[in-house]
C-alpha atoms as a PDB file:
ATOM      1  CA  MET A   1      36.946 120.369  96.294  1.00  0.00           C
ATOM      2  CA  ARG A   2      36.504 116.753  97.277  1.00  0.00           C
ATOM      3  CA  TYR A   3      33.697 114.620  95.934  1.00  0.00           C
ATOM      4  CA  LEU A   4      32.204 111.306  96.948  1.00  0.00           C
ATOM      5  CA  VAL A   5      31.830 109.415  93.685  1.00  0.00           C
ATOM      6  CA  ARG A   6      29.470 106.489  93.207  1.00  0.00           C
ATOM      7  CA  ALA A   7      29.737 104.543  89.985  1.00  0.00           C
ATOM      8  CA  ARG A   8      28.967 101.195  88.389  1.00  0.00           C
ATOM      9  CA  VAL A   9      31.300  99.501  85.963  1.00  0.00           C
ATOM     10  CA  LYS A  10      29.773  99.428  82.506  1.00  0.00           C
ATOM     11  CA  PRO A  11      28.736  95.996  81.248  1.00  0.00           C
ATOM     12  CA  GLU A  12      31.647  94.012  79.819  1.00  0.00           C
ATOM     13  CA  ARG A  13      34.232  96.676  80.830  1.00  0.00           C
ATOM     14  CA  GLU A  14      35.647  95.043  83.981  1.00  0.00           C
ATOM     15  CA  ALA A  15      38.575  93.311  82.282  1.00  0.00           C
ATOM     16  CA  ASP A  16      39.463  96.439  80.298  1.00  0.00           C
ATOM     17  CA  LEU A  17      39.332  98.529  83.459  1.00  0.00           C
ATOM     18  CA  LEU A  18      41.541  96.077  85.329  1.00  0.00           C
ATOM     19  CA  GLU A  19      44.042  96.080  82.464  1.00  0.00           C
ATOM     20  CA  ALA A  20      44.129  99.909  82.464  1.00  0.00           C
ATOM     21  CA  ILE A  21      44.744  99.896  86.222  1.00  0.00           C
ATOM     22  CA  GLU A  22      47.429  97.186  86.087  1.00  0.00           C
ATOM     23  CA  ARG A  23      49.237  98.856  83.176  1.00  0.00           C
ATOM     24  CA  GLU A  24      48.794 102.253  84.843  1.00  0.00           C
ATOM     25  CA  THR A  25      47.146 103.682  81.732  1.00  0.00           C
ATOM     26  CA  LEU A  26      43.875 104.601  83.463  1.00  0.00           C
ATOM     27  CA  GLY A  27      43.344 108.317  82.950  1.00  0.00           C
ATOM     28  CA  GLN A  28      46.444 108.610  80.778  1.00  0.00           C
ATOM     29  CA  GLY A  29      46.544 112.106  79.343  1.00  0.00           C
ATOM     30  CA  SER A  30      44.467 113.559  82.145  1.00  0.00           C
ATOM     31  CA  VAL A  31      45.974 116.106  84.498  1.00  0.00           C
ATOM     32  CA  ALA A  32      44.780 113.786  87.276  1.00  0.00           C
ATOM     33  CA  GLU A  33      45.984 110.408  85.983  1.00  0.00           C
ATOM     34  CA  GLY A  34      47.901 109.498  89.135  1.00  0.00           C
ATOM     35  CA  GLU A  35      44.852 110.456  91.171  1.00  0.00           C
ATOM     36  CA  ASP A  36      42.732 108.043  89.107  1.00  0.00           C
ATOM     37  CA  LEU A  37      44.982 105.125  90.011  1.00  0.00           C
ATOM     38  CA  ARG A  38      44.959 106.102  93.692  1.00  0.00           C
ATOM     39  CA  ASN A  39      41.174 106.350  93.567  1.00  0.00           C
ATOM     40  CA  MET A  40      40.923 102.794  92.253  1.00  0.00           C
ATOM     41  CA  ARG A  41      43.305 101.492  94.942  1.00  0.00           C
ATOM     42  CA  ASP A  42      41.123 103.129  97.612  1.00  0.00           C
ATOM     43  CA  SER A  43      37.706 102.449  96.068  1.00  0.00           C
ATOM     44  CA  ARG A  44      35.204 100.177  97.756  1.00  0.00           C
ATOM     45  CA  LEU A  45      32.501  97.969  96.292  1.00  0.00           C
ATOM     46  CA  TYR A  46      29.120  97.998  98.021  1.00  0.00           C
ATOM     47  CA  PRO A  47      26.280  95.455  97.957  1.00  0.00           C
ATOM     48  CA  ASP A  48      24.357  97.669  95.511  1.00  0.00           C
ATOM     49  CA  GLN A  49      27.262  97.076  93.076  1.00  0.00           C
ATOM     50  CA  THR A  50      28.429 100.682  93.232  1.00  0.00           C
ATOM     51  CA  CYS A  51      32.071 101.564  93.610  1.00  0.00           C
ATOM     52  CA  ARG A  52      32.720 104.526  95.865  1.00  0.00           C
ATOM     53  CA  TRP A  53      35.741 106.746  96.290  1.00  0.00           C
ATOM     54  CA  VAL A  54      36.681 110.275  97.341  1.00  0.00           C
ATOM     55  CA  GLU A  55      38.147 112.329  94.533  1.00  0.00           C
ATOM     56  CA  VAL A  56      39.957 115.664  94.593  1.00  0.00           C
ATOM     57  CA  CYS A  57      38.954 117.930  91.718  1.00  0.00           C
ATOM     58  CA  TYR A  58      39.722 121.594  91.067  1.00  0.00           C
ATOM     59  CA  CYS A  59      37.442 121.993  88.031  1.00  0.00           C
ATOM     60  CA  PRO A  60      34.674 124.610  88.057  1.00  0.00           C
ATOM     61  CA  SER A  61      32.114 121.799  87.791  1.00  0.00           C
ATOM     62  CA  PRO A  62      32.545 118.387  89.470  1.00  0.00           C
ATOM     63  CA  LEU A  63      34.877 116.039  87.569  1.00  0.00           C
ATOM     64  CA  GLN A  64      34.714 118.213  84.462  1.00  0.00           C
ATOM     65  CA  GLU A  65      38.153 117.159  83.252  1.00  0.00           C
ATOM     66  CA  GLU A  66      38.108 113.627  84.666  1.00  0.00           C
ATOM     67  CA  ARG A  67      34.600 112.636  83.571  1.00  0.00           C
ATOM     68  CA  PRO A  68      35.526 111.363  80.051  1.00  0.00           C
ATOM     69  CA  TYR A  69      38.218 109.110  81.514  1.00  0.00           C
ATOM     70  CA  TRP A  70      35.846 107.674  84.117  1.00  0.00           C
ATOM     71  CA  GLU A  71      32.944 107.308  81.691  1.00  0.00           C
ATOM     72  CA  GLU A  72      35.018 105.051  79.465  1.00  0.00           C
ATOM     73  CA  TYR A  73      34.580 102.359  82.144  1.00  0.00           C
ATOM     74  CA  PHE A  74      31.904 103.556  84.547  1.00  0.00           C
ATOM     75  CA  ASP A  75      28.385 104.887  84.683  1.00  0.00           C
ATOM     76  CA  LEU A  76      28.682 107.646  87.268  1.00  0.00           C
ATOM     77  CA  THR A  77      25.564 107.274  89.384  1.00  0.00           C
ATOM     78  CA  ARG A  78      26.212 110.083  91.866  1.00  0.00           C
ATOM     79  CA  VAL A  79      28.866 112.742  92.433  1.00  0.00           C
ATOM     80  CA  GLN A  80      28.357 114.771  95.588  1.00  0.00           C
ATOM     81  CA  ASP A  81      30.340 117.158  97.713  1.00  0.00           C
ATOM     82  CA  ALA A  82      32.328 115.186 100.278  1.00  0.00           C
ATOM     83  CA  HIS A  83      32.952 118.291 102.353  1.00  0.00           C
ATOM     84  CA  ASP A  84      31.054 121.448 103.249  1.00  0.00           C
ATOM     85  CA  ARG A  85      32.018 123.935 100.516  1.00  0.00           C
ATOM     86  CA  ARG A  86      31.934 126.809 103.011  1.00  0.00           C
ATOM     87  CA  LYS A  87      34.744 125.127 104.970  1.00  0.00           C
ATOM     88  CA  CYS A  88      36.841 124.180 101.930  1.00  0.00           C
ATOM     89  CA  ARG A  89      39.927 126.411 101.960  1.00  0.00           C
ATOM     90  CA  ASP A  90      40.367 126.090  98.199  1.00  0.00           C
ATOM     91  CA  GLU A  91      36.706 126.797  97.478  1.00  0.00           C
ATOM     92  CA  ASN A  92      36.435 129.789  99.850  1.00  0.00           C
ATOM     93  CA  GLY A  93      39.687 131.282  98.545  1.00  0.00           C
ATOM     94  CA  SER A  94      41.683 131.151 101.765  1.00  0.00           C
ATOM     95  CA  GLU A  95      44.240 128.649 100.393  1.00  0.00           C
ATOM     96  CA  SER A  96      44.560 127.750  96.720  1.00  0.00           C
ATOM     97  CA  TRP A  97      45.069 124.053  95.907  1.00  0.00           C
ATOM     98  CA  ALA A  98      44.444 123.130  99.560  1.00  0.00           C
ATOM     99  CA  CYS A  99      42.533 119.935  98.734  1.00  0.00           C
ATOM    100  CA  GLY A 100      45.609 117.931  97.770  1.00  0.00           C
ATOM    101  CA  ASP A 101      46.969 117.742 101.308  1.00  0.00           C
ATOM    102  CA  CYS A 102      43.843 118.526 103.316  1.00  0.00           C
ATOM    103  CA  ASP A 103      42.444 116.007 105.781  1.00  0.00           C
ATOM    104  CA  CYS A 104      38.908 117.431 105.606  1.00  0.00           C
ATOM    105  CA  THR A 105      37.507 114.111 104.460  1.00  0.00           C
ATOM    106  CA  ALA A 106      39.616 111.871 106.690  1.00  0.00           C
ATOM    107  CA  ARG A 107      36.558 110.570 108.572  1.00  0.00           C
ATOM    108  CA  LEU A 108      34.711 109.829 105.345  1.00  0.00           C
ATOM    109  CA  GLU A 109      37.758 108.116 103.838  1.00  0.00           C
ATOM    110  CA  GLU A 110      38.194 106.054 107.020  1.00  0.00           C
ATOM    111  CA  LYS A 111      34.535 105.062 106.913  1.00  0.00           C
ATOM    112  CA  LEU A 112      34.882 103.987 103.282  1.00  0.00           C
ATOM    113  CA  LYS A 113      37.990 101.994 104.110  1.00  0.00           C
ATOM    114  CA  ASN A 114      36.072 100.079 106.773  1.00  0.00           C
ATOM    115  CA  THR A 115      32.914  99.374 104.776  1.00  0.00           C
ATOM    116  CA  GLY A 116      32.222  97.524 101.587  1.00  0.00           C
ATOM    117  CA  THR A 117      34.893  95.413  99.930  1.00  0.00           C
ATOM    118  CA  SER A 118      38.066  96.452  98.173  1.00  0.00           C
ATOM    119  CA  PHE A 119      36.907  97.113  94.619  1.00  0.00           C
ATOM    120  CA  LEU A 120      40.338  96.359  93.191  1.00  0.00           C
ATOM    121  CA  ASP A 121      40.564  93.019  95.016  1.00  0.00           C
ATOM    122  CA  VAL A 122      37.150  92.014  93.691  1.00  0.00           C
ATOM    123  CA  LEU A 123      38.071  93.140  90.195  1.00  0.00           C
ATOM    124  CA  ARG A 124      41.302  91.126  90.333  1.00  0.00           C
ATOM    125  CA  SER A 125      39.503  88.038  91.622  1.00  0.00           C
ATOM    126  CA  GLY A 126      37.448  87.761  88.443  1.00  0.00           C
ATOM    127  CA  VAL A 127      34.312  86.905  90.418  1.00  0.00           C
ATOM    128  CA  PRO A 128      31.375  87.066  87.972  1.00  0.00           C
ATOM    129  CA  SER A 129      28.630  89.614  88.522  1.00  0.00           C
ATOM    130  CA  VAL A 130      30.511  91.586  91.167  1.00  0.00           C
ATOM    131  CA  CYS A 131      30.319  94.818  89.264  1.00  0.00           C
ATOM    132  CA  SER A 132      28.095  94.734  86.219  1.00  0.00           C
ATOM    133  CA  GLY A 133      28.227  91.295  84.728  1.00  0.00           C
ATOM    134  CA  LYS A 134      30.652  88.593  83.733  1.00  0.00           C
ATOM    135  CA  LEU A 135      34.359  89.283  83.576  1.00  0.00           C
ATOM    136  CA  ARG A 136      35.838  88.583  80.195  1.00  0.00           C
ATOM    137  CA  GLN A 137      38.989  86.533  80.211  1.00  0.00           C
ATOM    138  CA  LYS A 138      41.756  87.762  77.910  1.00  0.00           C
END
């Protein structure tokens, strides 16, 4: 299944998150660690200071396996289905593991790409108060 994730960076965690992304250690140990890095490359920052991305997850409950990795840096404010479950080939049993290559959320992903600001660019810029507070300099 695909989920639209909305999250806010936890206070004082921006620099640590950026370091984990740059060193490619974000989600290390998770079955989805490469997906986590892709999610951050594609994520968008909105005026309400939420980051948003579409995430593929095959767990029985949304982000069950990924949640501890995300919650190290983020407060997850909303996780919702990004696609009608009845039409999801993985969810309805017509094609196992279909979500990896499916384009069911292409319109949503395109909309995200064209709204908000690149979260990663903002994070790299070190602009204070863009996510949750001041960026710490290391």
